[in-house]
Amino acid sequence: MEKLPINCDQTNDQLTDWLSNQLTDAERISLETHLAQCPACQAEADSVRQLWQLMGKLPAPDPGPLARVRFQTMLDTYKDTVATKPERVVEQLLAKLRQAWVPQSAFRLAYSLVLLSVGLAAGYWFNRSGTPATAYQQQIDTLSTQVQEMRQMMLLSLLENPAASERLRAVSYAEEINQVDEQVVDALLTTLNNDQNVNVRLVTLEALAKLADNPSVREGLVQSITRQESPMVQSALADIMVKLQEKRSIKHLRQLLRDDKLNDLVKGKIEQSIKALS
């Protein structure tokens, strides 16, 4: 059966498929026949072709330094979820419950409940006794401080977890703590320098960079330069040193350049960083 000629509306609908070679031979011949006979559609086709060519010249967006890390983490989590067989779900749930009630975790849970109870009781008592608002605010501030201490305790505990996903979660707690103490700083720096998982080290580096107003964090980041072996971490550290304009890092970056095993791309990055800091 002979294919009927297409009209202008059909032509416009098929222009994108035509430019991307998605049409069948019969559809392409029919469309090109119509274009040869219709100046309006030919003009539209030329316009679409120009736009298509311009779009092809647009540079691909450059992902952030941690985009690959976050994607890989999400992918690993998804794979673990898919790989989990239905019959193992109950077993894993029971295992998590048992883990939650080991003495250390039970203590944390009890401590959280105590804090909540103290806050509710204090609020009720202050309201009934007519205690001034300032005293009530002081109690709230005290409770808030205790919650911050709880978050720091959870961070320190999870950083020792053998699962990389849990250590990543621990690092995320750093953003929820108003003021980190030296114990937390030391734990994060230890993770940056010694964790076996590159993803964990990169996310820890990102968290530490946000705490760079702390002199101990700055000094720890500088000292960490020569302790890193991963090209991704080395490159990220060089970028952070430039962002912080930390000139003390020049000496350590130059020392890293003397490593014969240094990745060529990282070498170029470090040379650029030294130039930017000099």
Protein backbone atom coordinates (compact mmCIF):
# COMPACT_ATOMS: atom_id res chain seq x y z
CA MET A 1 0.00 0.00 0.00
CA GLU A 2 1.43 3.35 -1.09
CA LYS A 3 2.21 5.70 1.78
CA LEU A 4 0.22 8.94 1.67
CA PRO A 5 2.20 12.21 1.48
CA ILE A 6 2.64 13.89 4.85
CA ASN A 7 1.39 17.40 5.60
CA CYS A 8 3.17 20.35 7.26
CA ASP A 9 2.13 19.45 10.81
CA GLN A 10 3.42 15.90 10.41
CA THR A 11 6.65 17.24 8.95
CA ASN A 12 7.27 19.54 11.91
CA ASP A 13 6.58 16.69 14.33
CA GLN A 14 9.17 14.49 12.61
CA LEU A 15 12.01 17.01 12.19
CA THR A 16 13.79 16.03 15.40
CA ASP A 17 13.62 12.31 14.55
CA TRP A 18 14.84 13.13 11.05
CA LEU A 19 17.89 15.01 12.34
CA SER A 20 18.72 12.20 14.78
CA ASN A 21 18.29 9.50 12.09
CA GLN A 22 15.34 7.92 13.90
CA LEU A 23 13.02 7.67 10.86
CA THR A 24 12.51 4.63 8.72
CA ASP A 25 13.60 4.86 5.07
CA ALA A 26 10.01 5.30 3.90
CA GLU A 27 9.33 8.06 6.46
CA ARG A 28 12.57 9.84 5.59
CA ILE A 29 11.84 9.77 1.84
CA SER A 30 8.31 11.06 2.40
CA LEU A 31 9.51 13.88 4.66
CA GLU A 32 12.32 14.96 2.33
CA THR A 33 9.91 14.92 -0.63
CA HIS A 34 7.60 17.26 1.28
CA LEU A 35 10.52 19.55 2.23
CA ALA A 36 11.55 19.85 -1.42
CA GLN A 37 8.03 21.07 -2.31
CA CYS A 38 7.27 23.26 0.73
CA PRO A 39 9.41 26.41 1.29
CA ALA A 40 7.81 27.05 4.72
CA CYS A 41 8.70 23.60 6.03
CA GLN A 42 12.17 23.85 4.47
CA ALA A 43 12.76 27.10 6.39
CA GLU A 44 11.54 25.46 9.59
CA ALA A 45 13.84 22.50 8.97
CA ASP A 46 16.84 24.82 8.47
CA SER A 47 16.01 26.61 11.74
CA VAL A 48 15.70 23.37 13.68
CA ARG A 49 18.95 22.08 12.14
CA GLN A 50 20.83 25.22 13.26
CA LEU A 51 19.46 24.87 16.78
CA TRP A 52 20.37 21.18 16.78
CA GLN A 53 23.95 22.00 15.76
CA LEU A 54 24.27 24.71 18.43
CA MET A 55 23.05 22.31 21.11
CA GLY A 56 25.65 19.80 20.00
CA LYS A 57 28.40 22.37 20.59
CA LEU A 58 27.33 23.16 24.15
CA PRO A 59 29.95 21.97 26.69
CA ALA A 60 28.89 19.21 29.02
CA PRO A 61 28.44 20.49 32.60
CA ASP A 62 31.37 19.75 34.89
CA PRO A 63 30.17 17.75 37.91
CA GLY A 64 31.32 18.75 41.38
CA PRO A 65 34.31 16.92 42.89
CA LEU A 66 32.07 14.76 45.08
CA ALA A 67 29.36 14.00 42.54
CA ARG A 68 30.99 10.68 41.62
CA VAL A 69 31.39 9.79 45.29
CA ARG A 70 27.76 10.48 46.14
CA PHE A 71 26.54 8.59 43.05
CA GLN A 72 28.71 5.58 43.85
CA THR A 73 27.47 5.55 47.43
CA MET A 74 23.85 5.68 46.26
CA LEU A 75 24.56 2.92 43.72
CA ASP A 76 26.18 0.67 46.32
CA THR A 77 23.22 1.17 48.64
CA TYR A 78 20.79 0.33 45.82
CA LYS A 79 22.74 -2.81 44.92
CA ASP A 80 22.68 -3.94 48.52
CA THR A 81 18.91 -3.39 48.65
CA VAL A 82 18.26 -5.27 45.41
CA ALA A 83 20.57 -8.09 46.40
CA THR A 84 18.75 -8.61 49.68
CA LYS A 85 16.54 -11.69 49.42
CA PRO A 86 13.07 -11.52 50.98
CA GLU A 87 13.83 -14.38 53.38
CA ARG A 88 16.76 -12.43 54.81
CA VAL A 89 14.76 -9.32 55.62
CA VAL A 90 13.46 -10.71 58.93
CA GLU A 91 16.94 -11.93 59.85
CA GLN A 92 18.46 -8.51 59.19
CA LEU A 93 15.70 -6.80 61.14
CA LEU A 94 16.31 -9.05 64.14
CA ALA A 95 20.04 -8.44 63.86
CA LYS A 96 19.49 -4.68 63.92
CA LEU A 97 17.25 -4.99 66.96
CA ARG A 98 19.84 -7.06 68.78
CA GLN A 99 22.51 -4.51 67.84
CA ALA A 100 20.34 -1.68 69.15
CA TRP A 101 20.14 -3.33 72.55
CA VAL A 102 23.80 -4.05 73.21
CA PRO A 103 24.84 -2.23 76.41
CA GLN A 104 26.47 0.72 74.70
CA SER A 105 23.58 1.38 72.31
CA ALA A 106 21.03 0.76 75.04
CA PHE A 107 22.74 3.35 77.15
CA ARG A 108 22.53 5.90 74.34
CA LEU A 109 18.87 5.16 73.79
CA ALA A 110 18.13 5.47 77.50
CA TYR A 111 20.10 8.68 77.65
CA SER A 112 18.07 10.16 74.78
CA LEU A 113 14.83 9.21 76.50
CA VAL A 114 16.03 10.77 79.74
CA LEU A 115 16.85 14.00 77.95
CA LEU A 116 13.43 14.08 76.36
CA SER A 117 11.74 13.36 79.67
CA VAL A 118 13.73 16.05 81.44
CA GLY A 119 12.77 18.58 78.80
CA LEU A 120 9.06 17.75 78.99
CA ALA A 121 9.04 17.67 82.78
CA ALA A 122 10.93 20.93 83.02
CA GLY A 123 8.55 22.64 80.64
CA TYR A 124 5.52 21.40 82.58
CA TRP A 125 6.99 22.38 85.95
CA PHE A 126 8.04 25.86 84.82
CA ASN A 127 4.62 26.55 83.38
CA ARG A 128 2.85 25.41 86.58
CA SER A 129 5.17 27.23 88.97
CA GLY A 130 5.23 30.51 87.11
CA THR A 131 9.00 30.43 86.74
CA PRO A 132 10.33 33.39 84.72
CA ALA A 133 10.86 32.87 81.00
CA THR A 134 14.60 33.48 81.36
CA ALA A 135 14.96 30.48 83.65
CA TYR A 136 12.94 28.37 81.24
CA GLN A 137 15.20 29.51 78.37
CA GLN A 138 18.27 28.53 80.38
CA GLN A 139 16.83 25.05 80.80
CA ILE A 140 16.18 24.82 77.06
CA ASP A 141 19.75 25.93 76.34
CA THR A 142 21.07 23.28 78.70
CA LEU A 143 18.97 20.62 77.02
CA SER A 144 20.15 21.78 73.60
CA THR A 145 23.76 21.46 74.73
CA GLN A 146 23.11 17.92 75.91
CA VAL A 147 21.58 17.02 72.55
CA GLN A 148 24.69 18.37 70.83
CA GLU A 149 26.81 16.18 73.09
CA MET A 150 24.66 13.20 72.13
CA ARG A 151 25.23 13.88 68.43
CA GLN A 152 28.97 14.08 68.99
CA MET A 153 28.86 10.78 70.85
CA MET A 154 26.98 9.17 67.97
CA LEU A 155 29.47 10.59 65.47
CA LEU A 156 32.44 9.19 67.39
CA SER A 157 30.78 5.80 67.74
CA LEU A 158 29.72 5.44 64.10
CA LEU A 159 33.16 6.40 62.83
CA GLU A 160 34.37 3.10 64.30
CA ASN A 161 31.68 1.09 62.52
CA PRO A 162 33.07 -1.46 60.02
CA ALA A 163 30.41 -0.52 57.43
CA ALA A 164 31.45 2.36 55.17
CA SER A 165 27.83 3.51 54.86
CA GLU A 166 27.66 3.97 58.64
CA ARG A 167 30.91 5.93 58.69
CA LEU A 168 29.52 8.17 55.96
CA ARG A 169 26.46 8.73 58.13
CA ALA A 170 28.73 9.59 61.05
CA VAL A 171 30.42 12.32 59.04
CA SER A 172 27.03 13.81 58.20
CA TYR A 173 26.46 14.42 61.92
CA ALA A 174 29.28 16.98 61.84
CA GLU A 175 26.97 19.39 59.98
CA GLU A 176 24.37 19.10 62.75
CA ILE A 177 26.78 20.03 65.54
CA ASN A 178 27.01 23.74 66.28
CA GLN A 179 30.48 23.63 67.77
CA VAL A 180 32.68 20.57 67.42
CA ASP A 181 35.22 19.90 70.14
CA GLU A 182 38.80 18.78 69.72
CA GLN A 183 37.85 15.13 70.17
CA VAL A 184 35.55 15.28 67.15
CA VAL A 185 38.14 17.18 65.11
CA ASP A 186 40.78 14.56 65.93
CA ALA A 187 38.37 11.75 65.00
CA LEU A 188 37.53 13.34 61.64
CA LEU A 189 41.20 13.97 60.85
CA THR A 190 42.03 10.37 61.77
CA THR A 191 39.29 9.21 59.41
CA LEU A 192 40.63 11.45 56.65
CA ASN A 193 44.11 10.04 57.01
CA ASN A 194 43.43 6.38 57.75
CA ASP A 195 40.02 5.24 56.51
CA GLN A 196 40.32 2.46 53.95
CA ASN A 197 37.36 3.72 51.91
CA VAL A 198 38.17 6.58 49.52
CA ASN A 199 34.55 7.74 49.49
CA VAL A 200 34.56 8.11 53.26
CA ARG A 201 37.81 10.09 53.13
CA LEU A 202 36.44 12.44 50.47
CA VAL A 203 33.22 13.14 52.35
CA THR A 204 35.22 13.65 55.55
CA LEU A 205 37.44 16.11 53.71
CA GLU A 206 34.37 18.04 52.59
CA ALA A 207 33.08 18.17 56.18
CA LEU A 208 36.44 19.34 57.52
CA ALA A 209 36.69 22.05 54.88
CA LYS A 210 33.49 23.56 56.29
CA LEU A 211 35.16 23.67 59.71
CA ALA A 212 38.29 25.39 58.42
CA ASP A 213 37.76 28.38 60.72
CA ASN A 214 39.08 26.10 63.44
CA PRO A 215 42.91 26.43 63.57
CA SER A 216 43.29 22.74 64.47
CA VAL A 217 41.30 21.75 61.38
CA ARG A 218 43.41 23.96 59.11
CA GLU A 219 46.63 22.58 60.52
CA GLY A 220 45.32 19.02 60.22
CA LEU A 221 44.35 19.52 56.58
CA VAL A 222 47.80 20.87 55.75
CA GLN A 223 49.54 17.97 57.50
CA SER A 224 47.26 15.51 55.71
CA ILE A 225 48.54 16.41 52.24
CA THR A 226 51.59 14.15 52.31
CA ARG A 227 49.68 11.33 54.00
CA GLN A 228 47.25 10.77 51.14
CA GLU A 229 47.81 8.17 48.43
CA SER A 230 44.50 8.40 46.56
CA PRO A 231 44.70 10.70 43.50
CA MET A 232 41.11 11.84 44.13
CA VAL A 233 41.85 12.88 47.71
CA GLN A 234 45.14 14.51 46.73
CA SER A 235 43.42 16.55 44.03
CA ALA A 236 40.54 17.55 46.34
CA LEU A 237 42.98 18.63 49.04
CA ALA A 238 44.88 20.80 46.56
CA ASP A 239 41.62 22.50 45.55
CA ILE A 240 40.72 23.15 49.19
CA MET A 241 44.13 24.65 49.93
CA VAL A 242 43.61 27.12 47.09
CA LYS A 243 40.08 27.90 48.25
CA LEU A 244 41.35 28.55 51.78
CA GLN A 245 44.41 30.38 50.47
CA GLU A 246 46.47 28.32 52.89
CA LYS A 247 50.03 29.24 51.96
CA ARG A 248 51.50 26.89 54.55
CA SER A 249 50.43 24.06 52.25
CA ILE A 250 52.94 25.04 49.54
CA LYS A 251 55.77 23.22 51.32
CA HIS A 252 53.73 20.03 51.64
CA LEU A 253 52.44 20.21 48.07
CA ARG A 254 56.01 20.51 46.79
CA GLN A 255 56.98 17.54 48.91
CA LEU A 256 54.16 15.57 47.32
CA LEU A 257 55.48 16.49 43.86
CA ARG A 258 58.71 14.66 44.66
CA ASP A 259 56.81 11.37 44.86
CA ASP A 260 57.72 9.32 41.77
CA LYS A 261 54.41 7.44 41.98
CA LEU A 262 52.32 10.62 41.83
CA ASN A 263 49.57 10.53 39.19
CA ASP A 264 50.36 12.80 36.22
CA LEU A 265 46.97 14.52 36.33
CA VAL A 266 47.34 15.14 40.06
CA LYS A 267 50.82 16.45 39.46
CA GLY A 268 49.46 19.05 37.05
CA LYS A 269 46.72 19.97 39.54
CA ILE A 270 49.23 20.45 42.35
CA GLU A 271 51.51 22.56 40.17
CA GLN A 272 48.56 24.82 39.35
CA SER A 273 47.63 25.01 43.04
CA ILE A 274 51.17 26.01 44.05
CA LYS A 275 51.14 28.70 41.37
CA ALA A 276 47.79 30.01 42.63
CA LEU A 277 49.06 30.10 46.22
CA SER A 278 52.44 31.69 45.48
